Amino acid sequence: MSTDKHIPSLDEKAAVEDREAVVRTESISPSVEERKLVRKLDMRILPIACIMYLFAYLCRSNLGNARLQGLPQDVLHGDPTGVLFDWANSVFFFSYVLCQVPATLLSKLCPPRVWLGCTMVGWGLCSLLMSTAFDFPGLLVARIGIGAFEAGFSPGIPLYMSLFYGKDELGVRLAFWFSFAAIAGAFGGLIAFGIQDIYAAIPNWKLLFIVEGLPTVLLGLLSMVILPNRPEETRILNEREREIAIERMNRGTRADVGRTVNKPHIFAAFKDWRVYAGGILYFGTNCAAAAFGAFLPTVIATFGYTNARAQLLTVPPYMVAAVYMCLTSYASDRLQSRGIFIVVASVLGGLGYALLVGVTNIHVRYFATFCITSGTYTSIGVILAWYVHNLGSETKKAAGMPIFMAIGQCGSVLGSHIYPATEGPQYIRGFAVSCALQFLNAVTALVLTISYRIENKRRDERYGKPIPNAPVDTSILADKAPLFRYTP
């Protein structure tokens, strides 16, 4: 009498292996030692990472302030239509988009602190060179250089932080890090306001680029000393701390060992439809946020204020956005839910743009700028935290995140061209396009969070519920591993 012998599938084998690991692993709660380690990492990583991003955003978006300080008259021959300024602003994103995927994958083969520090020195030097520009091509070359170097930094930081923080800690820290983009908008306005009244031997816009570029170079050199390398490599941890840090980086997933690239996971990232859905989210959000950051001083000036006062009035919307982003991300971490918060933030940003389109009262229009900055910046922070876990493996994160971020930065290019000077002071087309994209984001985030919830439920029914924070072998299947669970 013969019997059929069942040959387990790859999914079933992985589930059995992961289940055995789960059985041996207790549900992990933070110990005194672990909390002490987290505080140590926070003090070592967050201050320098946040200040680095502050200067990244200052160097990226200072054209908006320089526009009101005479740059178009000195470099762009007056630029009466605003077209040359639009191109100077948007050309940054061409190199930024093209370099993100190769730069982030290459970063996995280098010591993180050296890679991040070198990228900062690079864009700081390019920012300094902007002060020497005397014509349109020279300005373009410097902006292209800033984009190329920042492409190795911005996608790399979420990946870098995921080495040290769990999914229930990462959201608020990424929000705190990204909130410095909003703070940079406020800080940039204050710097520009201060420089406005300085009488120097060089034009104020040149002085602005020097004041923001020189500290960037120095900070890049300093970061190579302060930032730690991977947990298994860094010298700032003792052996017990290293043991805890390595255990933490393997919760709910399985970290790579050393500086390696898992090539099949690169192709998996390119074939994952959710990565492109993230691109839609990031496209709409960046069209709204990046363009609005560059044009906010000009938009506020259309309310009837002087240029100097317009520079100062850019500060409060960014400060409110930073606070709102951190509070939202804290709630998102505690509830372990991302999609719903993105829906709410996108609707808030969309309502702000709708007010700019339909209302002429300057007080209401100024209130709308608070809605826009709070909604768009919050969306970006939560999207980063969402994908840095849900892609599963380090290599898929290193490929998938720059893919959707590169798609998203195309929105920044679009945003740079929908506010031509000839359509001021109302800018109806720019506001309407951004409004529509914000509501598209809300729909996309809703579809994504529902799909994640359905997939988690399917895996629970088929493979059983995993113990929270237990290691899951994602080395072969990445986020498709049977016991891996998405954050919805």
Protein backbone atom coordinates (compact mmCIF):
# COMPACT_ATOMS: atom_id res chain seq x y z
CA MET A 1 0.00 0.00 0.00
CA SER A 2 1.52 3.28 -1.09
CA THR A 3 1.07 6.67 0.50
CA ASP A 4 1.76 10.10 -0.96
CA LYS A 5 4.60 11.89 0.73
CA HIS A 6 3.94 15.62 1.27
CA ILE A 7 6.85 17.83 0.27
CA PRO A 8 6.68 21.10 2.20
CA SER A 9 6.82 24.30 0.20
CA LEU A 10 9.37 27.05 0.74
CA ASP A 11 6.77 29.12 2.62
CA GLU A 12 5.90 26.17 4.89
CA LYS A 13 9.57 25.45 5.65
CA ALA A 14 10.17 29.09 6.50
CA ALA A 15 7.07 29.13 8.70
CA VAL A 16 8.25 26.04 10.62
CA GLU A 17 11.73 27.54 11.15
CA ASP A 18 10.29 30.85 12.27
CA ARG A 19 7.75 29.11 14.53
CA GLU A 20 10.57 27.20 16.23
CA ALA A 21 12.39 30.47 16.82
CA VAL A 22 9.19 31.99 18.19
CA VAL A 23 8.63 29.11 20.61
CA ARG A 24 12.13 29.63 22.00
CA THR A 25 11.62 33.39 22.31
CA GLU A 26 9.65 35.07 25.07
CA SER A 27 7.74 38.27 24.38
CA ILE A 28 10.37 40.94 24.92
CA SER A 29 9.75 43.88 27.21
CA PRO A 30 12.20 46.73 27.65
CA SER A 31 14.68 46.08 30.46
CA VAL A 32 16.53 48.66 32.48
CA GLU A 33 19.64 47.88 30.42
CA GLU A 34 17.74 48.31 27.17
CA ARG A 35 16.22 51.64 28.18
CA LYS A 36 19.68 52.84 29.17
CA LEU A 37 21.01 51.75 25.76
CA VAL A 38 18.19 53.54 23.92
CA ARG A 39 18.94 56.76 25.81
CA LYS A 40 22.61 56.40 24.91
CA LEU A 41 21.78 55.88 21.24
CA ASP A 42 19.36 58.82 21.28
CA MET A 43 22.01 61.12 22.68
CA ARG A 44 24.60 59.90 20.18
CA ILE A 45 22.51 59.69 16.98
CA LEU A 46 19.51 62.03 17.11
CA PRO A 47 21.18 65.43 17.78
CA ILE A 48 23.78 65.10 15.02
CA ALA A 49 21.36 63.44 12.55
CA CYS A 50 18.77 66.18 13.11
CA ILE A 51 21.26 69.00 12.71
CA MET A 52 22.60 67.34 9.56
CA TYR A 53 19.10 67.29 8.09
CA LEU A 54 18.53 70.88 9.18
CA PHE A 55 21.49 71.97 7.07
CA ALA A 56 20.52 69.61 4.24
CA TYR A 57 17.16 71.30 3.99
CA LEU A 58 18.65 74.79 4.40
CA CYS A 59 21.03 74.19 1.49
CA ARG A 60 18.26 72.63 -0.59
CA SER A 61 15.60 75.30 -0.09
CA ASN A 62 17.53 78.54 0.45
CA LEU A 63 16.80 79.65 -3.12
CA GLY A 64 13.35 80.76 -1.98
CA ASN A 65 14.92 83.22 0.46
CA ALA A 66 17.70 84.24 -1.94
CA ARG A 67 15.03 85.12 -4.53
CA LEU A 68 13.86 87.96 -2.32
CA GLN A 69 17.43 89.18 -1.77
CA GLY A 70 18.32 89.97 -5.37
CA LEU A 71 19.59 86.67 -6.81
CA PRO A 72 17.37 86.85 -9.96
CA GLN A 73 18.60 90.38 -10.70
CA ASP A 74 22.29 89.50 -10.26
CA VAL A 75 22.44 86.00 -11.78
CA LEU A 76 19.28 85.45 -13.84
CA HIS A 77 19.15 88.82 -15.65
CA GLY A 78 16.00 89.85 -13.79
CA ASP A 79 14.03 86.72 -14.77
CA PRO A 80 10.71 88.57 -15.35
CA THR A 81 8.75 85.36 -16.08
CA GLY A 82 10.21 83.32 -13.20
CA VAL A 83 11.08 80.45 -15.56
CA LEU A 84 14.84 80.54 -14.90
CA PHE A 85 14.28 80.48 -11.15
CA ASP A 86 11.90 77.54 -11.56
CA TRP A 87 14.62 75.59 -13.38
CA ALA A 88 17.31 76.57 -10.87
CA ASN A 89 15.03 75.29 -8.11
CA SER A 90 13.98 72.06 -9.84
CA VAL A 91 17.32 70.96 -11.36
CA PHE A 92 18.37 69.87 -7.86
CA PHE A 93 15.76 67.12 -8.05
CA PHE A 94 17.05 65.64 -11.33
CA SER A 95 20.36 64.51 -9.79
CA TYR A 96 18.59 63.81 -6.49
CA VAL A 97 16.18 61.39 -8.21
CA LEU A 98 18.73 59.66 -10.48
CA CYS A 99 21.31 59.04 -7.76
CA GLN A 100 19.09 57.80 -4.91
CA VAL A 101 18.87 54.07 -5.68
CA PRO A 102 22.57 53.47 -6.57
CA ALA A 103 23.74 55.73 -3.74
CA THR A 104 21.65 54.00 -1.08
CA LEU A 105 22.67 50.51 -2.22
CA LEU A 106 26.31 51.61 -2.29
CA SER A 107 25.95 52.99 1.24
CA LYS A 108 25.39 49.43 2.52
CA LEU A 109 28.96 48.58 1.52
CA CYS A 110 30.52 51.50 3.43
CA PRO A 111 30.85 52.41 7.12
CA PRO A 112 27.67 54.46 7.77
CA ARG A 113 29.35 57.33 9.61
CA VAL A 114 31.92 57.83 6.84
CA TRP A 115 29.29 57.65 4.11
CA LEU A 116 26.89 60.10 5.75
CA GLY A 117 29.66 62.50 6.72
CA CYS A 118 31.17 62.56 3.22
CA THR A 119 27.81 63.26 1.59
CA MET A 120 27.34 66.23 3.92
CA VAL A 121 30.77 67.67 3.15
CA GLY A 122 29.93 67.32 -0.55
CA TRP A 123 26.65 69.22 -0.53
CA GLY A 124 28.11 71.84 1.83
CA LEU A 125 30.89 72.59 -0.66
CA CYS A 126 28.33 72.86 -3.48
CA SER A 127 26.27 75.28 -1.39
CA LEU A 128 29.36 77.41 -0.86
CA LEU A 129 30.00 77.35 -4.62
CA MET A 130 26.50 78.75 -5.21
CA SER A 131 27.74 82.01 -3.70
CA THR A 132 30.30 82.25 -6.52
CA ALA A 133 27.73 81.80 -9.31
CA PHE A 134 27.63 84.70 -11.74
CA ASP A 135 25.32 83.25 -14.39
CA PHE A 136 22.50 80.72 -14.86
CA PRO A 137 24.68 77.70 -15.89
CA GLY A 138 26.96 78.15 -12.88
CA LEU A 139 23.97 78.17 -10.53
CA LEU A 140 22.61 75.02 -12.20
CA VAL A 141 25.88 73.09 -11.78
CA ALA A 142 26.04 73.88 -8.06
CA ARG A 143 22.39 72.84 -7.57
CA ILE A 144 22.99 69.57 -9.46
CA GLY A 145 25.92 68.83 -7.12
CA ILE A 146 23.79 69.45 -4.02
CA GLY A 147 21.17 67.03 -5.36
CA ALA A 148 23.71 64.29 -6.08
CA PHE A 149 25.26 64.41 -2.61
CA GLU A 150 21.96 64.71 -0.75
CA ALA A 151 20.71 61.64 -2.66
CA GLY A 152 23.15 59.58 -0.59
CA PHE A 153 21.96 61.12 2.66
CA SER A 154 18.17 61.47 2.87
CA PRO A 155 17.18 57.84 2.02
CA GLY A 156 20.16 56.57 4.02
CA ILE A 157 19.13 58.03 7.38
CA PRO A 158 15.87 56.01 7.77
CA LEU A 159 17.77 52.86 6.81
CA TYR A 160 20.55 53.79 9.25
CA MET A 161 18.13 54.42 12.14
CA SER A 162 16.38 51.10 11.53
CA LEU A 163 19.63 49.42 12.61
CA PHE A 164 19.23 50.83 16.11
CA TYR A 165 15.48 51.31 16.72
CA GLY A 166 12.46 49.00 16.64
CA LYS A 167 9.25 49.63 14.72
CA ASP A 168 7.54 50.93 17.89
CA GLU A 169 10.35 53.48 18.39
CA LEU A 170 11.25 54.49 14.86
CA GLY A 171 8.25 56.62 13.91
CA VAL A 172 8.67 59.32 16.54
CA ARG A 173 12.43 59.46 15.98
CA LEU A 174 12.09 59.76 12.22
CA ALA A 175 9.44 62.43 12.80
CA PHE A 176 11.78 64.27 15.16
CA TRP A 177 14.52 63.98 12.52
CA PHE A 178 12.27 65.05 9.66
CA SER A 179 10.73 67.86 11.72
CA PHE A 180 14.05 69.61 11.27
CA ALA A 181 13.00 70.13 7.65
CA ALA A 182 10.14 72.21 9.03
CA ILE A 183 12.47 73.84 11.55
CA ALA A 184 14.86 74.56 8.68
CA GLY A 185 12.06 76.44 6.95
CA ALA A 186 11.60 78.55 10.07
CA PHE A 187 15.33 78.85 10.73
CA GLY A 188 16.00 79.73 7.10
CA GLY A 189 13.45 82.52 7.33
CA LEU A 190 15.13 83.88 10.47
CA ILE A 191 18.60 83.73 8.88
CA ALA A 192 17.33 85.47 5.75
CA PHE A 193 15.58 88.09 7.87
CA GLY A 194 18.80 88.75 9.79
CA ILE A 195 20.93 88.94 6.64
CA GLN A 196 18.38 91.24 4.98
CA ASP A 197 19.64 94.23 6.98
CA ILE A 198 23.37 93.47 6.81
CA TYR A 199 25.41 95.85 4.70
CA ALA A 200 28.36 93.83 3.39
CA ALA A 201 30.83 94.00 0.53
CA ILE A 202 28.94 91.17 -1.21
CA PRO A 203 25.23 90.86 -2.01
CA ASN A 204 23.00 89.47 0.72
CA TRP A 205 22.11 86.33 -1.26
CA LYS A 206 25.80 85.41 -1.55
CA LEU A 207 26.23 85.92 2.19
CA LEU A 208 23.20 83.66 2.77
CA PHE A 209 24.80 80.77 0.85
CA ILE A 210 28.11 81.22 2.74
CA VAL A 211 26.45 81.38 6.17
CA GLU A 212 24.57 78.15 5.47
CA GLY A 213 27.26 76.32 3.46
CA LEU A 214 30.37 76.71 5.61
CA PRO A 215 28.89 75.21 8.83
CA THR A 216 27.59 72.33 6.71
CA VAL A 217 31.13 71.33 5.69
CA LEU A 218 32.40 71.53 9.27
CA LEU A 219 29.45 69.53 10.60
CA GLY A 220 30.01 66.82 7.98
CA LEU A 221 33.56 66.34 9.26
CA LEU A 222 32.33 66.26 12.86
CA SER A 223 29.65 63.66 12.08
CA MET A 224 32.30 61.17 10.95
CA VAL A 225 33.58 61.16 14.53
CA ILE A 226 30.26 61.23 16.44
CA LEU A 227 27.95 58.84 14.56
CA PRO A 228 28.26 55.12 15.39
CA ASN A 229 28.71 52.41 12.78
CA ARG A 230 26.48 49.31 12.63
CA PRO A 231 25.74 47.73 16.05
CA GLU A 232 28.04 44.78 15.39
CA GLU A 233 30.91 47.11 14.35
CA THR A 234 30.71 50.29 16.41
CA ARG A 235 33.20 50.98 19.18
CA ILE A 236 30.86 53.13 21.28
CA LEU A 237 29.09 50.04 22.71
CA ASN A 238 30.44 47.61 25.28
CA GLU A 239 29.88 43.89 24.76
CA ARG A 240 26.64 43.74 26.76
CA GLU A 241 25.24 46.78 24.95
CA ARG A 242 26.25 45.28 21.62
CA GLU A 243 24.44 42.05 22.49
CA ILE A 244 21.25 43.96 23.31
CA ALA A 245 21.55 46.16 20.22
CA ILE A 246 21.95 43.16 17.90
CA GLU A 247 18.97 41.42 19.52
CA ARG A 248 16.91 44.60 19.04
CA MET A 249 17.76 44.90 15.34
CA ASN A 250 16.46 41.36 14.79
CA ARG A 251 13.01 41.85 16.31
CA GLY A 252 10.26 40.99 13.88
CA THR A 253 12.82 40.59 11.09
CA ARG A 254 16.38 39.36 10.53
CA ALA A 255 19.13 41.91 10.00
CA ASP A 256 21.98 41.45 7.55
CA VAL A 257 25.34 40.47 9.00
CA GLY A 258 28.02 42.97 8.02
CA ARG A 259 28.07 45.21 4.97
CA THR A 260 26.37 43.02 2.36
CA VAL A 261 23.76 43.35 -0.42
CA ASN A 262 21.17 40.61 -1.06
CA LYS A 263 20.71 40.89 -4.83
CA PRO A 264 17.35 39.00 -5.12
CA HIS A 265 15.82 41.51 -2.72
CA ILE A 266 16.77 44.37 -5.05
CA PHE A 267 14.66 42.81 -7.81
CA ALA A 268 11.90 42.06 -5.29
CA ALA A 269 11.73 45.77 -4.46
CA PHE A 270 11.35 46.70 -8.13
CA LYS A 271 8.48 44.18 -8.50
CA ASP A 272 6.55 45.17 -5.36
CA TRP A 273 3.41 47.18 -6.23
CA ARG A 274 3.34 48.70 -2.74
CA VAL A 275 6.68 50.40 -3.41
CA TYR A 276 5.07 52.24 -6.34
CA ALA A 277 2.02 53.06 -4.23
CA GLY A 278 4.51 54.66 -1.84
CA GLY A 279 5.84 56.57 -4.84
CA ILE A 280 2.36 57.99 -5.45
CA LEU A 281 2.15 59.06 -1.80
CA TYR A 282 5.59 60.62 -1.87
CA PHE A 283 4.97 62.28 -5.24
CA GLY A 284 1.89 64.14 -4.06
CA THR A 285 3.40 65.06 -0.72
CA ASN A 286 6.66 66.34 -2.21
CA CYS A 287 4.87 68.33 -4.89
CA ALA A 288 3.09 70.13 -2.08
CA ALA A 289 5.89 70.36 0.49
CA ALA A 290 9.01 71.04 -1.60
CA ALA A 291 7.40 73.58 -3.89
CA PHE A 292 5.58 75.29 -1.05
CA GLY A 293 8.84 75.51 0.90
CA ALA A 294 10.59 77.21 -2.01
CA PHE A 295 7.71 79.57 -2.78
CA LEU A 296 6.28 80.22 0.72
CA PRO A 297 8.12 83.55 1.21
CA THR A 298 6.85 84.69 -2.19
CA VAL A 299 3.31 83.45 -1.46
CA ILE A 300 3.20 85.30 1.87
CA ALA A 301 4.56 88.42 0.16
CA THR A 302 1.48 88.31 -2.10
CA PHE A 303 -0.67 88.83 1.02
CA GLY A 304 0.53 92.43 0.97
CA TYR A 305 3.51 92.23 3.33
CA THR A 306 7.01 93.57 2.69
CA ASN A 307 9.70 91.08 1.71
CA ALA A 308 11.38 91.33 5.13
CA ARG A 309 8.09 90.72 6.97
CA ALA A 310 7.25 87.86 4.59
CA GLN A 311 10.56 86.19 5.53
CA LEU A 312 9.62 86.45 9.22
CA LEU A 313 6.06 85.18 8.73
CA THR A 314 7.37 81.91 7.24
CA VAL A 315 8.53 80.86 10.72
CA PRO A 316 5.25 80.06 12.62
CA PRO A 317 3.78 77.59 10.04
CA TYR A 318 6.96 75.52 10.14
CA MET A 319 7.13 75.50 13.94
CA VAL A 320 3.53 74.33 14.25
CA ALA A 321 4.20 71.65 11.60
CA ALA A 322 7.17 70.30 13.59
CA VAL A 323 5.07 69.94 16.76
CA TYR A 324 2.11 68.38 14.94
CA MET A 325 4.39 65.91 13.15
CA CYS A 326 6.02 64.68 16.37
CA LEU A 327 2.68 64.29 18.18
CA THR A 328 1.16 62.38 15.26
CA SER A 329 4.16 60.07 14.92
CA TYR A 330 4.17 59.36 18.67
CA ALA A 331 0.53 58.28 18.45
CA SER A 332 1.33 56.24 15.33
CA ASP A 333 4.13 54.40 17.18
CA ARG A 334 1.95 53.65 20.19
CA LEU A 335 -0.95 52.37 18.09
CA GLN A 336 1.30 50.68 15.50
CA SER A 337 -0.82 52.12 12.71
CA ARG A 338 0.46 54.41 9.96
CA GLY A 339 -2.04 54.55 7.10
CA ILE A 340 -4.91 56.24 8.94
CA PHE A 341 -2.62 59.00 10.18
CA ILE A 342 -1.43 59.64 6.62
CA VAL A 343 -5.06 59.86 5.48
CA VAL A 344 -5.82 62.50 8.14
CA ALA A 345 -2.65 64.50 7.40
CA SER A 346 -3.29 64.43 3.64
CA VAL A 347 -6.86 65.67 4.09
CA LEU A 348 -5.55 68.48 6.32
CA GLY A 349 -3.05 69.55 3.64
CA GLY A 350 -5.71 69.32 0.94
CA LEU A 351 -8.07 71.55 2.92
CA GLY A 352 -5.27 74.11 3.29
CA TYR A 353 -4.77 74.28 -0.47
CA ALA A 354 -8.53 74.45 -1.01
CA LEU A 355 -8.63 77.53 1.23
CA LEU A 356 -5.88 79.19 -0.81
CA VAL A 357 -7.83 78.51 -4.00
CA GLY A 358 -11.23 79.66 -2.80
CA VAL A 359 -10.64 82.36 -0.15
CA THR A 360 -9.20 85.86 -0.54
CA ASN A 361 -9.10 86.95 3.12
CA ILE A 362 -5.40 87.20 4.02
CA HIS A 363 -5.90 85.92 7.58
CA VAL A 364 -7.66 82.77 6.35
CA ARG A 365 -5.01 82.31 3.66
CA TYR A 366 -2.25 82.60 6.26
CA PHE A 367 -4.08 79.99 8.41
CA ALA A 368 -4.12 77.77 5.32
CA THR A 369 -0.30 77.79 5.26
CA PHE A 370 -0.36 76.18 8.73
CA CYS A 371 -2.67 73.42 7.45
CA ILE A 372 -0.44 72.79 4.43
CA THR A 373 2.87 72.63 6.28
CA SER A 374 1.40 70.49 9.10
CA GLY A 375 -0.32 68.07 6.72
CA THR A 376 2.42 67.62 4.15
CA TYR A 377 5.41 67.39 6.49
CA THR A 378 3.59 64.97 8.79
CA SER A 379 2.72 62.73 5.85
CA ILE A 380 6.36 62.48 4.80
CA GLY A 381 7.55 61.54 8.29
CA VAL A 382 4.93 58.82 8.75
CA ILE A 383 5.48 57.41 5.21
CA LEU A 384 9.20 56.94 5.95
CA ALA A 385 8.46 55.12 9.21
CA TRP A 386 5.83 52.99 7.43
CA TYR A 387 8.13 51.68 4.71
CA VAL A 388 11.32 51.33 6.71
CA HIS A 389 9.68 48.38 8.51
CA ASN A 390 7.26 47.01 5.92
CA LEU A 391 9.89 46.21 3.29
CA GLY A 392 11.22 43.43 5.52
CA SER A 393 14.95 43.06 4.83
CA GLU A 394 17.81 45.57 4.86
CA THR A 395 18.54 45.21 1.15
CA LYS A 396 14.89 45.54 0.16
CA LYS A 397 14.72 48.67 2.29
CA ALA A 398 17.92 49.99 0.67
CA ALA A 399 16.37 49.46 -2.78
CA GLY A 400 12.67 50.04 -2.13
CA MET A 401 12.92 53.26 -0.13
CA PRO A 402 14.99 55.20 -2.70
CA ILE A 403 12.72 53.85 -5.46
CA PHE A 404 9.59 55.39 -3.99
CA MET A 405 11.51 58.43 -2.78
CA ALA A 406 12.92 58.98 -6.29
CA ILE A 407 9.42 58.72 -7.77
CA GLY A 408 8.24 61.11 -5.10
CA GLN A 409 10.92 63.68 -5.82
CA CYS A 410 9.54 63.96 -9.35
CA GLY A 411 6.66 65.67 -7.57
CA SER A 412 9.14 68.26 -6.37
CA VAL A 413 10.12 68.92 -9.99
CA LEU A 414 6.46 69.37 -10.91
CA GLY A 415 5.93 71.63 -7.92
CA SER A 416 8.77 73.87 -9.03
CA HIS A 417 6.96 74.64 -12.30
CA ILE A 418 3.37 75.28 -11.17
CA TYR A 419 4.05 78.62 -9.49
CA PRO A 420 5.28 80.84 -12.36
CA ALA A 421 5.55 84.54 -11.50
CA THR A 422 3.10 85.34 -14.31
CA GLU A 423 0.30 83.57 -12.37
CA GLY A 424 0.81 85.48 -9.11
CA PRO A 425 -0.50 86.59 -6.76
CA GLN A 426 -3.27 83.93 -6.79
CA TYR A 427 -1.31 80.94 -8.19
CA ILE A 428 -4.61 79.12 -8.77
CA ARG A 429 -3.10 76.35 -10.92
CA GLY A 430 -0.34 75.50 -8.43
CA PHE A 431 -2.68 75.43 -5.45
CA ALA A 432 -5.33 73.38 -7.30
CA VAL A 433 -2.84 70.73 -8.50
CA SER A 434 -1.38 70.37 -5.02
CA CYS A 435 -4.87 70.17 -3.50
CA ALA A 436 -5.87 67.33 -5.85
CA LEU A 437 -2.67 65.41 -5.13
CA GLN A 438 -3.26 65.65 -1.39
CA PHE A 439 -6.68 64.04 -1.69
CA LEU A 440 -5.22 61.39 -4.03
CA ASN A 441 -2.73 60.65 -1.25
CA ALA A 442 -5.56 60.12 1.22
CA VAL A 443 -7.16 57.53 -1.08
CA THR A 444 -3.84 55.77 -1.77
CA ALA A 445 -2.96 55.54 1.94
CA LEU A 446 -6.41 54.11 2.66
CA VAL A 447 -5.95 51.41 -0.02
CA LEU A 448 -2.49 50.54 1.34
CA THR A 449 -3.53 50.23 4.97
CA ILE A 450 -6.48 48.01 4.02
CA SER A 451 -4.21 45.77 1.90
CA TYR A 452 -1.73 45.40 4.78
CA ARG A 453 -4.52 44.49 7.20
CA ILE A 454 -5.94 41.89 4.81
CA GLU A 455 -2.51 40.30 4.26
CA ASN A 456 -1.77 40.18 8.00
CA LYS A 457 -5.11 38.49 8.61
CA ARG A 458 -4.44 35.95 5.84
CA ARG A 459 -1.06 35.03 7.30
CA ASP A 460 -2.51 34.77 10.82
CA GLU A 461 -5.12 32.32 9.58
CA ARG A 462 -2.62 30.25 7.58
CA TYR A 463 0.50 30.28 9.75
CA GLY A 464 -0.76 31.41 13.17
CA LYS A 465 0.00 34.59 15.06
CA PRO A 466 3.70 35.19 15.82
CA ILE A 467 4.86 36.25 19.25
CA PRO A 468 5.49 40.02 19.15
CA ASN A 469 9.13 41.03 18.55
CA ALA A 470 10.30 37.46 17.93
CA PRO A 471 13.00 37.07 15.22
CA VAL A 472 11.65 36.31 11.74
CA ASP A 473 13.93 34.99 9.02
CA THR A 474 13.54 37.53 6.20
CA SER A 475 16.85 36.63 4.52
CA ILE A 476 15.11 34.73 1.69
CA LEU A 477 11.57 36.07 1.34
CA ALA A 478 11.98 39.54 2.89
CA ASP A 479 8.51 40.88 3.80
CA LYS A 480 6.89 37.79 2.20
CA ALA A 481 8.19 35.57 5.05
CA PRO A 482 5.20 33.70 6.57
CA LEU A 483 5.63 35.09 10.10
CA PHE A 484 6.50 38.64 9.07
CA ARG A 485 3.70 41.08 9.87
CA TYR A 486 3.18 44.49 8.27
CA THR A 487 2.48 47.64 10.23
CA PRO A 488 -0.85 48.81 8.78
